[in-house]
Amino acid sequence: MGRTKKVGPAGGLKARYGATVRKRYIEAIRDLKSPHRCPHCNANAVKRQSVGIWKCRKCEFTFTGGAYSPSTKLGATARRAARGPSET
């Protein structure tokens, strides 16, 4: 008898929704579950509380971010814009 394929987080989806959707789902869930650094204490202890709300388990710092990761490309752009033009 052959071995079964390891599908990871997409195991619950079975053979539905198409390969591309399952690959995107796997990428999003792996990013969600991977450890993240706290912007306040720099510890590797940030977990998602709810959609877009992240909390550090070490220093109890709560902040907003993306749905699947604590920082987004749009958030990085907004931080750069908030700093203003750089003086050269």
N, C-alpha and C. Protein backbone atom coordinates (compact mmCIF):
# COMPACT_ATOMS: atom_id res chain seq x y z
N MET A 1 0.84 -1.17 0.00
CA MET A 1 0.00 0.00 0.00
C MET A 1 0.89 1.25 0.00
N GLY A 2 0.56 2.23 -0.83
CA GLY A 2 1.37 3.43 -0.96
C GLY A 2 1.16 4.41 0.18
N ARG A 3 2.08 5.32 0.29
CA ARG A 3 1.98 6.34 1.33
C ARG A 3 1.09 7.48 0.84
N THR A 4 0.44 8.14 1.78
CA THR A 4 -0.41 9.27 1.40
C THR A 4 0.44 10.54 1.33
N LYS A 5 -0.03 11.47 0.53
CA LYS A 5 0.69 12.73 0.34
C LYS A 5 0.40 13.66 1.52
N LYS A 6 1.43 14.34 2.00
CA LYS A 6 1.27 15.30 3.08
C LYS A 6 0.79 16.62 2.47
N VAL A 7 -0.37 17.06 2.88
CA VAL A 7 -0.96 18.26 2.28
C VAL A 7 -0.92 19.47 3.20
N GLY A 8 -0.59 19.28 4.46
CA GLY A 8 -0.48 20.40 5.38
C GLY A 8 -1.83 21.02 5.71
N PRO A 9 -1.89 22.36 5.78
CA PRO A 9 -3.13 23.04 6.18
C PRO A 9 -4.29 22.82 5.21
N ALA A 10 -4.00 22.48 3.97
CA ALA A 10 -5.07 22.31 2.98
C ALA A 10 -5.72 20.94 3.06
N GLY A 11 -5.37 20.13 4.04
CA GLY A 11 -5.94 18.80 4.16
C GLY A 11 -7.44 18.81 4.33
N GLY A 12 -7.97 19.82 5.00
CA GLY A 12 -9.40 19.89 5.21
C GLY A 12 -10.18 20.26 3.97
N LEU A 13 -9.48 20.80 2.96
CA LEU A 13 -10.16 21.19 1.72
C LEU A 13 -10.33 20.02 0.77
N LYS A 14 -9.60 18.94 1.01
CA LYS A 14 -9.62 17.74 0.17
C LYS A 14 -9.32 18.09 -1.29
N ALA A 15 -10.10 17.59 -2.23
CA ALA A 15 -9.80 17.81 -3.65
C ALA A 15 -10.65 18.94 -4.23
N ARG A 16 -11.16 19.80 -3.37
CA ARG A 16 -12.06 20.86 -3.84
C ARG A 16 -11.32 22.16 -4.09
N TYR A 17 -11.94 23.07 -4.81
CA TYR A 17 -11.56 24.47 -5.01
C TYR A 17 -10.42 24.70 -5.99
N GLY A 18 -9.71 23.70 -6.45
CA GLY A 18 -8.65 23.89 -7.43
C GLY A 18 -7.29 24.06 -6.77
N ALA A 19 -6.26 23.71 -7.52
CA ALA A 19 -4.90 23.71 -6.99
C ALA A 19 -4.41 25.10 -6.63
N THR A 20 -4.72 26.10 -7.45
CA THR A 20 -4.23 27.46 -7.20
C THR A 20 -4.82 28.02 -5.91
N VAL A 21 -6.09 27.82 -5.70
CA VAL A 21 -6.74 28.33 -4.48
C VAL A 21 -6.16 27.63 -3.26
N ARG A 22 -5.95 26.32 -3.35
CA ARG A 22 -5.37 25.59 -2.21
C ARG A 22 -3.95 26.05 -1.93
N LYS A 23 -3.17 26.34 -2.95
CA LYS A 23 -1.80 26.84 -2.75
C LYS A 23 -1.81 28.20 -2.06
N ARG A 24 -2.71 29.09 -2.47
CA ARG A 24 -2.82 30.40 -1.83
C ARG A 24 -3.25 30.26 -0.38
N TYR A 25 -4.17 29.33 -0.13
CA TYR A 25 -4.64 29.08 1.23
C TYR A 25 -3.50 28.58 2.11
N ILE A 26 -2.71 27.65 1.59
CA ILE A 26 -1.56 27.12 2.34
C ILE A 26 -0.59 28.24 2.68
N GLU A 27 -0.31 29.10 1.70
CA GLU A 27 0.63 30.21 1.91
C GLU A 27 0.11 31.16 3.00
N ALA A 28 -1.17 31.49 2.95
CA ALA A 28 -1.74 32.42 3.93
C ALA A 28 -1.74 31.81 5.33
N ILE A 29 -2.11 30.55 5.47
CA ILE A 29 -2.17 29.92 6.78
C ILE A 29 -0.78 29.69 7.35
N ARG A 30 0.18 29.33 6.50
CA ARG A 30 1.56 29.17 7.00
C ARG A 30 2.11 30.50 7.49
N ASP A 31 1.79 31.59 6.78
CA ASP A 31 2.23 32.91 7.23
C ASP A 31 1.56 33.28 8.54
N LEU A 32 0.30 32.93 8.69
CA LEU A 32 -0.44 33.23 9.92
C LEU A 32 0.14 32.49 11.11
N LYS A 33 0.45 31.21 10.94
CA LYS A 33 0.92 30.38 12.05
C LYS A 33 2.41 30.53 12.36
N SER A 34 3.18 31.11 11.46
CA SER A 34 4.63 31.24 11.69
C SER A 34 4.89 32.28 12.77
N PRO A 35 6.01 32.17 13.49
CA PRO A 35 6.31 33.14 14.55
C PRO A 35 6.64 34.51 13.97
N HIS A 36 6.21 35.55 14.68
CA HIS A 36 6.44 36.93 14.24
C HIS A 36 7.10 37.72 15.35
N ARG A 37 7.87 38.74 14.98
CA ARG A 37 8.56 39.59 15.95
C ARG A 37 7.66 40.71 16.43
N CYS A 38 7.78 41.02 17.71
CA CYS A 38 7.02 42.11 18.31
C CYS A 38 7.71 43.43 17.96
N PRO A 39 6.95 44.43 17.48
CA PRO A 39 7.57 45.72 17.17
C PRO A 39 7.94 46.52 18.41
N HIS A 40 7.46 46.11 19.56
CA HIS A 40 7.69 46.83 20.81
C HIS A 40 8.90 46.28 21.58
N CYS A 41 8.92 44.95 21.82
CA CYS A 41 10.01 44.36 22.62
C CYS A 41 10.94 43.48 21.78
N ASN A 42 10.65 43.31 20.51
CA ASN A 42 11.47 42.54 19.56
C ASN A 42 11.54 41.05 19.89
N ALA A 43 10.61 40.55 20.70
CA ALA A 43 10.56 39.13 21.01
C ALA A 43 9.82 38.40 19.89
N ASN A 44 10.11 37.14 19.75
CA ASN A 44 9.48 36.32 18.71
C ASN A 44 8.22 35.67 19.29
N ALA A 45 7.25 36.49 19.73
CA ALA A 45 6.12 35.97 20.49
C ALA A 45 4.79 36.59 20.11
N VAL A 46 4.62 36.99 18.87
CA VAL A 46 3.38 37.64 18.45
C VAL A 46 2.41 36.60 17.90
N LYS A 47 1.18 36.64 18.38
CA LYS A 47 0.11 35.76 17.92
C LYS A 47 -1.09 36.61 17.51
N ARG A 48 -1.91 36.08 16.62
CA ARG A 48 -3.11 36.81 16.19
C ARG A 48 -4.24 36.58 17.19
N GLN A 49 -4.85 37.68 17.65
CA GLN A 49 -5.99 37.62 18.55
C GLN A 49 -7.28 37.45 17.74
N SER A 50 -7.42 38.26 16.73
CA SER A 50 -8.60 38.28 15.88
C SER A 50 -8.12 38.77 14.51
N VAL A 51 -9.03 38.90 13.56
CA VAL A 51 -8.63 39.35 12.23
C VAL A 51 -8.08 40.77 12.33
N GLY A 52 -6.78 40.93 12.04
CA GLY A 52 -6.15 42.24 12.05
C GLY A 52 -5.67 42.70 13.41
N ILE A 53 -5.87 41.94 14.47
CA ILE A 53 -5.42 42.33 15.81
C ILE A 53 -4.38 41.33 16.28
N TRP A 54 -3.20 41.83 16.62
CA TRP A 54 -2.07 40.99 17.00
C TRP A 54 -1.62 41.37 18.39
N LYS A 55 -1.13 40.37 19.15
CA LYS A 55 -0.72 40.61 20.54
C LYS A 55 0.56 39.85 20.84
N CYS A 56 1.47 40.53 21.52
CA CYS A 56 2.72 39.90 21.96
C CYS A 56 2.45 39.16 23.26
N ARG A 57 2.86 37.90 23.32
CA ARG A 57 2.63 37.11 24.53
C ARG A 57 3.62 37.47 25.63
N LYS A 58 4.72 38.15 25.29
CA LYS A 58 5.73 38.49 26.29
C LYS A 58 5.42 39.82 26.98
N CYS A 59 5.23 40.88 26.18
CA CYS A 59 5.05 42.21 26.78
C CYS A 59 3.59 42.68 26.75
N GLU A 60 2.67 41.83 26.25
CA GLU A 60 1.24 42.14 26.19
C GLU A 60 0.91 43.33 25.28
N PHE A 61 1.81 43.71 24.38
CA PHE A 61 1.60 44.81 23.45
C PHE A 61 0.60 44.36 22.39
N THR A 62 -0.47 45.13 22.21
CA THR A 62 -1.50 44.82 21.22
C THR A 62 -1.44 45.87 20.12
N PHE A 63 -1.50 45.41 18.88
CA PHE A 63 -1.44 46.34 17.75
C PHE A 63 -2.23 45.78 16.58
N THR A 64 -2.46 46.63 15.59
CA THR A 64 -3.20 46.20 14.41
C THR A 64 -2.24 45.89 13.28
N GLY A 65 -2.69 45.04 12.38
CA GLY A 65 -1.88 44.67 11.24
C GLY A 65 -2.77 44.06 10.18
N GLY A 66 -2.22 43.19 9.38
CA GLY A 66 -2.99 42.54 8.34
C GLY A 66 -3.80 41.37 8.89
N ALA A 67 -4.60 40.78 8.03
CA ALA A 67 -5.42 39.65 8.45
C ALA A 67 -4.58 38.42 8.71
N TYR A 68 -3.54 38.20 7.92
CA TYR A 68 -2.74 36.99 8.03
C TYR A 68 -1.30 37.24 8.45
N SER A 69 -0.87 38.49 8.50
CA SER A 69 0.48 38.81 8.98
C SER A 69 0.42 40.16 9.69
N PRO A 70 1.28 40.37 10.68
CA PRO A 70 1.20 41.61 11.46
C PRO A 70 1.60 42.86 10.68
N SER A 71 2.32 42.70 9.59
CA SER A 71 2.68 43.87 8.79
C SER A 71 2.32 43.61 7.33
N THR A 72 1.87 44.66 6.65
CA THR A 72 1.48 44.54 5.26
C THR A 72 2.28 45.52 4.41
N LYS A 73 2.26 45.33 3.12
CA LYS A 73 2.95 46.25 2.21
C LYS A 73 2.34 47.63 2.30
N LEU A 74 1.01 47.71 2.40
CA LEU A 74 0.33 48.99 2.51
C LEU A 74 0.69 49.70 3.82
N GLY A 75 0.83 48.93 4.91
CA GLY A 75 1.22 49.52 6.18
C GLY A 75 2.63 50.07 6.15
N ALA A 76 3.55 49.38 5.47
CA ALA A 76 4.92 49.87 5.34
C ALA A 76 4.96 51.16 4.54
N THR A 77 4.15 51.23 3.49
CA THR A 77 4.07 52.45 2.69
C THR A 77 3.51 53.60 3.51
N ALA A 78 2.50 53.33 4.33
CA ALA A 78 1.90 54.36 5.18
C ALA A 78 2.90 54.87 6.22
N ARG A 79 3.72 53.97 6.78
CA ARG A 79 4.74 54.41 7.74
C ARG A 79 5.77 55.32 7.09
N ARG A 80 6.17 54.97 5.87
CA ARG A 80 7.13 55.83 5.15
C ARG A 80 6.52 57.19 4.87
N ALA A 81 5.25 57.23 4.48
CA ALA A 81 4.58 58.49 4.19
C ALA A 81 4.43 59.32 5.44
N ALA A 82 4.17 58.68 6.58
CA ALA A 82 3.99 59.40 7.84
C ALA A 82 5.30 60.03 8.32
N ARG A 83 6.42 59.40 7.98
CA ARG A 83 7.72 59.97 8.39
C ARG A 83 8.02 61.26 7.63
N GLY A 84 7.44 61.40 6.47
CA GLY A 84 7.66 62.61 5.67
C GLY A 84 8.85 62.46 4.76
N PRO A 85 9.11 63.49 3.96
CA PRO A 85 10.24 63.40 3.03
C PRO A 85 11.56 63.37 3.78
N SER A 86 12.46 62.54 3.30
CA SER A 86 13.76 62.43 3.98
C SER A 86 14.64 63.62 3.61
N GLU A 87 15.39 64.04 4.58
CA GLU A 87 16.31 65.18 4.38
C GLU A 87 17.64 64.64 3.86
N THR A 88 18.03 65.06 2.68
CA THR A 88 19.32 64.61 2.14
C THR A 88 20.24 65.77 1.90
